[in-house]
Amino acid sequence: MLIKRLTDANGMPGFECEVRAIIKDEIKPYVDEMYTDRMGNLIAVKNKNKEGRHIALSAHMDEVGLCVTHIDKDGYLRFHSWGVDARILPAKIVRIGKSRLPGVIGTKAIHLQAPTERTKALSVDQLYIDIGAESKEEAEKLVEIGEFVAFDSEFVEFGTKIKAKALDDRVGCLAMIEILKSDYPHKLTACFVVQEEVGLRGAAIAAYQIDADIVLNLEGTISADSMGIKDHQTVNIQGNGPSISMIDRTSIYLQKYIDAIIEVADKNGIPYQFRRSQMGGTDAAHYHTSHGGTPVVGLAVPCRYIHSPVSVVDKRDLENFLKLAEKFVFAYGNGEVL
C-alpha cells in the first residue's frame, strides 16, 4: 500500500531523501521531466509542451520530529524538537538516523519528582533519548550530532481509520502521485517540497521556479473533533469529507476559487467541509505571493492527533480527498470552472 510506504519512510526537515526516492520511483513513468533543486524540492512536469492552462500541485515531504544536539557523559542524547509538543514525548520509542538506531525518550521517574514537578508539563530540556549506551564514547560510535530522530510508529488500519506517523503531509504526496498517473490535456507541475514544518522553506524556493495559472495545495490538517472539544472549537469532523481552506495564519483564499472547487464537489457528489480555524499556515503562503500573485486552492484531509506518532485519518476522507483533487484538476484544466 503506497500510503503505508510513504508514512513508514522517515523524512525530517532537511532529510527528506527516503520519501523523495519513493516518489521518484512512483512518478517516473508518468512525467516528462523531474529534477531536485538545491533546496531538495522534487519538481515534476507532465505535458511539458501542452498549451492552455497550467496547473501546479504542491505537498510537503517532511514530517515533524527531533534532532540530536548533544551527547552527555553517560551516553544519553539531548535533542531539539521540530514541531512536536514536548508533552507527548515521554516514553516514546524513536529511530535515529539512516541506520534507524532504536531509542526511548526518558525523564526522571515519577517517584523522584517533587510534588510541584508532577503538576507541570515536561519541557524538552527535561527529556533525553536512551540508546542503551553506557558512556559518551560508546554513544558517539553509534550517533552523530545533527542526526534526525523519527517516531517509531506502526501503520495500522482500524475501523474506518488509519493510524500512522507523518500523515501530515504524506496524504498530500499520495494525492499528487495518483494525479500524475492520470492523463490530462494540459500542463501539470507537481512540487514535492521540503522543510514545511520549520517555516515553509521549500515552497519559498519552489514558488519562483514555476509560473502556473493556479496552485492546488494538498495537506493534512487539524481535525480537533475528539473528546473534550466543544462543538464550536472543532476545526473539522472526520468522516465529513476533505477540508477546504478559507483563511489561515498565512493566507486568505479568494472566494471565486473556493466556489470553483465547491462546484466540482457538488457536481460529482463528493462531500466536503470547511476548515474552521485561522491557526497554522501552509505552503500556500509563498505561492499566492509569487509571480504577481498566483491563486491557490487549499484542500486537506482532517487529521486527529496531528504532529504525533499516532496521527489518525478517516479512510473515507482520504478517498474523497483524492477524488476531489483529481476532479478539480480535470475541471479547471478543461475550462469547466473559472
Foldseek 3Di string as FASTA:
>chain_A
DVLQLLQQDAAAFVRLVSNVVSLCVLQVVQFPDWDADPRGKIKTKHPVPFDFFEEEEEAESHAWFWFFADADFQGWTQIDTQQADQQQQAQFWKFWAPVGQIWHKHADDPVPDDPVVVVDRDDSVRIIICRPGGGSVRNVVPDDGGIIMGTDAHWDDDDQKIWFGCVWPVLSVVLVSVLSVDDANGMYMYIHFGDFSPPLPRLLVVLAVDDGQEYEYETEDAQPPDPPADPLRGQHHAPQAKEWEQAAQQDGADPQVVVLLVVLCVVVVQGYYYGNYRYDDGNVNNNQPPPVGHHYIYIYFHWYPHSDRTIMGGNSRSVSSSVSVNSSVRCVRVVVGD
